[in-house]
Amino acid sequence: MGVCRLEMLWKALRLLVQNPRGFVQNLRMVFQPMRGDYRRRLNRNLREWLIYHQKNIVFDKCYWMGVRALKNPFDAWIYQEIIYEIKPDVIVEIGSAEGGSSLYFANLLDLLGKGQVVSIDIDRTNFNVRHNRIVVITGDCSSQEVVAKVSGLCQGKKTLVVHDGDHRKEAVLRDLGIYSKFVSVGSYFIVEDGVADLFKPWDGMGQLYEGPLKAVEEFLITNPDFAVDMERERYLLTYNPRGFLKRVR
């Protein structure tokens, strides 16, 4: 019998002697059947949880400070760890939608007391966030004009890039080629939503075209300056499989 089991047995016996009523109450709790609704929730596997989150949560019920943020909360937690460790001068966000994640990054930088968020998006119809750390650039992220603006803002600064733009493989691969040069050694290029490549188009999570994960795999073949940081996927429930690309040299 293991040490932990012996300790548990000893504690149970001591409780039985010192507090018989408490022992009986604890025993009832041990053998009390789990509520049916919680049994169903806890019996979900990782695949089912991801589909549940995609269908029921991320587009309608995921907010940061009242602004919709289309993110997996497990990934958002990892982002704050990375931002604290790197302490970037600039976070380049490709694709901002309504701006919840832009505001999240800006608020984290507030806590650090430094840095700015460069928000790039081609459509600002629903983007209503204002913050003194957010620099808004409207346009195609691959256009020469936009790239030149970003280059000027990143020059000589510690930079982190988060890609949540066009998810087609060709577009992601193009953006990796353009924006990876802005990433500082020791910092990251985070490619979001590669999880879609692991699902079928009809199961609620997949898509009809090759996406970010395929782009990452191709990018890594010819770009040895970057390596996948699997430690950032330790919570398993990530939208970014092999998407935490650390610049190692």
Protein backbone atom coordinates (compact mmCIF):
# COMPACT_ATOMS: atom_id res chain seq x y z
CA MET A 1 0.00 0.00 0.00
CA GLY A 2 1.40 3.43 -0.93
CA VAL A 3 2.35 6.11 1.59
CA CYS A 4 -0.51 8.37 0.51
CA ARG A 5 -3.10 5.62 0.97
CA LEU A 6 -1.72 4.82 4.43
CA GLU A 7 -1.96 8.48 5.41
CA MET A 8 -5.56 8.67 4.16
CA LEU A 9 -6.47 5.50 6.05
CA TRP A 10 -4.87 6.85 9.23
CA LYS A 11 -6.75 10.15 8.94
CA ALA A 12 -10.04 8.29 8.39
CA LEU A 13 -9.50 6.10 11.45
CA ARG A 14 -8.58 9.11 13.57
CA LEU A 15 -11.72 10.92 12.42
CA LEU A 16 -13.81 7.85 13.23
CA VAL A 17 -12.51 7.82 16.79
CA GLN A 18 -12.59 11.58 17.40
CA ASN A 19 -15.72 12.52 15.47
CA PRO A 20 -17.95 9.58 14.46
CA ARG A 21 -20.68 11.87 13.10
CA GLY A 22 -18.16 13.69 10.90
CA PHE A 23 -16.82 10.35 9.69
CA VAL A 24 -20.32 9.23 8.64
CA GLN A 25 -20.94 12.54 6.83
CA ASN A 26 -17.67 12.21 4.91
CA LEU A 27 -18.50 8.63 4.04
CA ARG A 28 -21.86 9.72 2.63
CA MET A 29 -20.12 12.30 0.45
CA VAL A 30 -17.72 9.68 -0.90
CA PHE A 31 -20.53 7.38 -2.00
CA GLN A 32 -23.00 10.08 -3.03
CA PRO A 33 -23.71 9.70 -6.76
CA MET A 34 -22.56 12.53 -9.03
CA ARG A 35 -25.31 14.73 -10.43
CA GLY A 36 -26.27 13.66 -13.92
CA ASP A 37 -25.59 17.03 -15.54
CA TYR A 38 -22.05 17.15 -14.11
CA ARG A 39 -21.44 13.55 -15.11
CA ARG A 40 -22.24 14.47 -18.71
CA ARG A 41 -19.99 17.55 -18.55
CA LEU A 42 -17.03 15.74 -17.03
CA ASN A 43 -17.31 12.82 -19.42
CA ARG A 44 -16.44 15.03 -22.41
CA ASN A 45 -13.15 14.24 -24.09
CA LEU A 46 -10.85 16.99 -25.41
CA ARG A 47 -12.26 16.80 -28.92
CA GLU A 48 -15.81 17.20 -27.66
CA TRP A 49 -14.83 20.14 -25.43
CA LEU A 50 -13.20 21.99 -28.33
CA ILE A 51 -16.26 21.52 -30.54
CA TYR A 52 -18.54 22.59 -27.65
CA HIS A 53 -16.48 25.74 -27.09
CA GLN A 54 -16.40 26.56 -30.80
CA LYS A 55 -20.14 26.08 -31.31
CA ASN A 56 -21.51 27.49 -28.07
CA ILE A 57 -19.01 29.84 -26.44
CA VAL A 58 -16.32 31.58 -28.46
CA PHE A 59 -18.50 33.65 -30.81
CA ASP A 60 -21.21 34.68 -28.35
CA LYS A 61 -20.05 34.29 -24.74
CA CYS A 62 -16.34 35.09 -24.64
CA TYR A 63 -15.55 38.67 -23.56
CA TRP A 64 -12.71 40.73 -22.15
CA MET A 65 -13.85 43.76 -20.12
CA GLY A 66 -17.16 43.77 -21.99
CA VAL A 67 -15.64 43.47 -25.47
CA ARG A 68 -16.06 40.26 -27.44
CA ALA A 69 -12.77 38.38 -27.68
CA LEU A 70 -12.68 35.36 -29.98
CA LYS A 71 -10.17 33.39 -27.96
CA ASN A 72 -9.73 30.12 -26.12
CA PRO A 73 -9.27 31.11 -22.43
CA PHE A 74 -6.52 28.50 -21.99
CA ASP A 75 -4.54 30.22 -24.75
CA ALA A 76 -5.25 33.65 -23.27
CA TRP A 77 -3.68 32.49 -20.01
CA ILE A 78 -0.58 31.34 -21.89
CA TYR A 79 -0.42 34.72 -23.66
CA GLN A 80 -0.17 36.59 -20.37
CA GLU A 81 2.66 34.27 -19.29
CA ILE A 82 4.55 34.97 -22.51
CA ILE A 83 3.96 38.72 -22.32
CA TYR A 84 5.19 38.82 -18.73
CA GLU A 85 8.30 36.82 -19.61
CA ILE A 86 9.14 38.68 -22.83
CA LYS A 87 7.98 42.15 -21.76
CA PRO A 88 7.63 43.23 -25.40
CA ASP A 89 7.83 46.81 -26.56
CA VAL A 90 5.41 45.98 -29.38
CA ILE A 91 2.70 43.33 -29.82
CA VAL A 92 1.67 43.10 -33.47
CA GLU A 93 -1.83 41.65 -33.76
CA ILE A 94 -2.83 40.57 -37.27
CA GLY A 95 -6.64 40.39 -37.19
CA SER A 96 -8.48 42.11 -34.35
CA ALA A 97 -12.22 41.65 -35.08
CA GLU A 98 -14.12 43.59 -32.39
CA GLY A 99 -10.97 44.35 -30.42
CA GLY A 100 -11.37 42.26 -27.28
CA SER A 101 -7.95 40.68 -27.62
CA SER A 102 -6.38 44.05 -28.54
CA LEU A 103 -7.74 45.48 -25.29
CA TYR A 104 -6.60 42.39 -23.37
CA PHE A 105 -3.04 42.83 -24.63
CA ALA A 106 -3.12 46.56 -23.89
CA ASN A 107 -4.34 45.94 -20.34
CA LEU A 108 -1.55 43.43 -19.77
CA LEU A 109 0.95 45.99 -21.00
CA ASP A 110 -0.62 48.48 -18.57
CA LEU A 111 0.33 46.12 -15.77
CA LEU A 112 3.89 45.99 -17.08
CA GLY A 113 3.97 49.75 -17.51
CA LYS A 114 5.33 49.61 -21.05
CA GLY A 115 4.62 48.67 -24.66
CA GLN A 116 2.03 49.15 -27.37
CA VAL A 117 -0.32 46.99 -29.42
CA VAL A 118 -0.26 47.41 -33.19
CA SER A 119 -3.69 46.25 -34.35
CA ILE A 120 -3.88 45.38 -38.06
CA ASP A 121 -7.22 44.65 -39.70
CA ILE A 122 -8.75 45.21 -43.11
CA ASP A 123 -12.25 45.84 -41.68
CA ARG A 124 -13.02 48.11 -38.71
CA THR A 125 -16.81 47.87 -38.91
CA ASN A 126 -17.16 46.33 -35.44
CA PHE A 127 -13.92 47.54 -33.85
CA ASN A 128 -14.82 50.13 -31.21
CA VAL A 129 -11.96 49.80 -28.74
CA ARG A 130 -9.93 52.84 -27.72
CA HIS A 131 -6.82 52.68 -25.58
CA ASN A 132 -3.69 54.81 -25.50
CA ARG A 133 -1.50 51.75 -26.03
CA ILE A 134 -3.37 50.56 -29.15
CA VAL A 135 -2.14 51.78 -32.53
CA VAL A 136 -4.72 51.05 -35.23
CA ILE A 137 -3.60 50.26 -38.78
CA THR A 138 -6.42 49.58 -41.24
CA GLY A 139 -5.60 47.71 -44.42
CA ASP A 140 -4.40 44.43 -45.89
CA CYS A 141 -1.61 43.13 -43.67
CA SER A 142 0.36 42.02 -46.74
CA SER A 143 0.26 45.39 -48.50
CA GLN A 144 3.51 47.33 -48.81
CA GLU A 145 1.99 50.35 -47.08
CA VAL A 146 0.87 48.40 -44.01
CA VAL A 147 4.11 46.44 -43.76
CA ALA A 148 6.12 49.66 -43.98
CA LYS A 149 4.11 51.21 -41.13
CA VAL A 150 4.57 48.13 -38.95
CA SER A 151 8.28 48.01 -39.76
CA GLY A 152 8.69 51.59 -38.57
CA LEU A 153 6.88 50.87 -35.31
CA CYS A 154 8.90 47.70 -34.62
CA GLN A 155 12.36 48.89 -35.61
CA GLY A 156 14.83 48.38 -32.78
CA LYS A 157 12.12 47.15 -30.42
CA LYS A 158 11.35 43.83 -28.74
CA THR A 159 8.43 42.49 -30.75
CA LEU A 160 5.83 39.73 -30.37
CA VAL A 161 3.49 38.82 -33.25
CA VAL A 162 0.04 37.20 -32.93
CA HIS A 163 -1.62 36.01 -36.14
CA ASP A 164 -5.42 35.77 -36.21
CA GLY A 165 -6.01 36.97 -39.76
CA ASP A 166 -6.86 35.06 -42.93
CA HIS A 167 -6.64 31.38 -41.92
CA ARG A 168 -5.99 29.89 -45.36
CA LYS A 169 -2.64 28.14 -45.55
CA GLU A 170 -1.34 30.34 -48.35
CA ALA A 171 -2.23 33.54 -46.49
CA VAL A 172 -0.75 32.38 -43.18
CA LEU A 173 2.43 31.21 -44.90
CA ARG A 174 2.68 34.58 -46.66
CA ASP A 175 2.23 36.47 -43.38
CA LEU A 176 4.77 34.26 -41.62
CA GLY A 177 7.28 35.17 -44.31
CA ILE A 178 6.56 38.88 -43.99
CA TYR A 179 6.19 39.35 -40.24
CA SER A 180 8.58 36.75 -38.81
CA LYS A 181 11.46 39.16 -39.44
CA PHE A 182 9.97 41.56 -36.89
CA VAL A 183 10.03 38.96 -34.09
CA SER A 184 12.88 39.45 -31.64
CA VAL A 185 15.16 36.59 -30.61
CA GLY A 186 13.57 34.94 -27.57
CA SER A 187 10.12 36.25 -28.48
CA TYR A 188 7.27 34.51 -30.34
CA PHE A 189 5.24 34.43 -33.50
CA ILE A 190 1.92 32.93 -32.33
CA VAL A 191 -0.17 31.38 -35.11
CA GLU A 192 -3.77 30.93 -34.02
CA ASP A 193 -6.51 28.47 -34.98
CA GLY A 194 -4.39 25.69 -36.46
CA VAL A 195 -6.71 23.37 -34.52
CA ALA A 196 -9.12 23.54 -37.48
CA ASP A 197 -6.66 21.44 -39.50
CA LEU A 198 -7.11 18.60 -37.00
CA PHE A 199 -10.86 18.34 -37.55
CA LYS A 200 -13.17 17.44 -40.43
CA PRO A 201 -15.12 20.18 -42.24
CA TRP A 202 -18.47 18.79 -41.09
CA ASP A 203 -17.79 18.31 -37.38
CA GLY A 204 -18.19 21.95 -36.33
CA MET A 205 -14.51 22.78 -36.03
CA GLY A 206 -12.87 21.95 -39.35
CA GLN A 207 -12.80 23.78 -42.67
CA LEU A 208 -12.78 22.97 -46.37
CA TYR A 209 -9.24 24.22 -46.97
CA GLU A 210 -5.78 23.72 -45.48
CA GLY A 211 -5.13 26.21 -42.73
CA PRO A 212 -2.67 27.60 -40.19
CA LEU A 213 -1.20 24.30 -38.97
CA LYS A 214 -0.26 23.29 -42.50
CA ALA A 215 1.32 26.72 -43.01
CA VAL A 216 3.36 26.38 -39.82
CA GLU A 217 4.69 22.98 -40.86
CA GLU A 218 5.84 24.35 -44.21
CA PHE A 219 7.33 27.48 -42.65
CA LEU A 220 9.44 25.49 -40.18
CA ILE A 221 11.06 23.44 -42.96
CA THR A 222 12.92 26.48 -44.29
CA ASN A 223 13.09 28.67 -41.18
CA PRO A 224 15.36 27.11 -38.54
CA ASP A 225 15.40 30.38 -36.59
CA PHE A 226 12.03 29.35 -35.15
CA ALA A 227 11.09 26.32 -33.05
CA VAL A 228 7.77 25.07 -31.68
CA ASP A 229 7.46 25.61 -27.93
CA MET A 230 5.34 22.66 -26.85
CA GLU A 231 5.41 23.79 -23.22
CA ARG A 232 2.89 26.44 -24.22
CA GLU A 233 0.42 23.66 -25.07
CA ARG A 234 0.59 22.05 -21.63
CA TYR A 235 -3.11 22.62 -20.93
CA LEU A 236 -3.92 20.49 -24.03
CA LEU A 237 -7.06 22.48 -24.87
CA THR A 238 -5.39 24.88 -27.29
CA TYR A 239 -6.56 26.44 -30.54
CA ASN A 240 -2.93 26.81 -31.59
CA PRO A 241 -1.32 23.37 -32.04
CA ARG A 242 2.35 23.87 -32.96
CA GLY A 243 1.48 27.54 -33.16
CA PHE A 244 3.70 28.93 -30.39
CA LEU A 245 6.77 29.61 -32.51
CA LYS A 246 9.73 30.86 -30.51
CA ARG A 247 12.55 32.65 -32.27
CA VAL A 248 15.66 30.86 -31.04
CA ARG A 249 18.35 32.71 -33.00
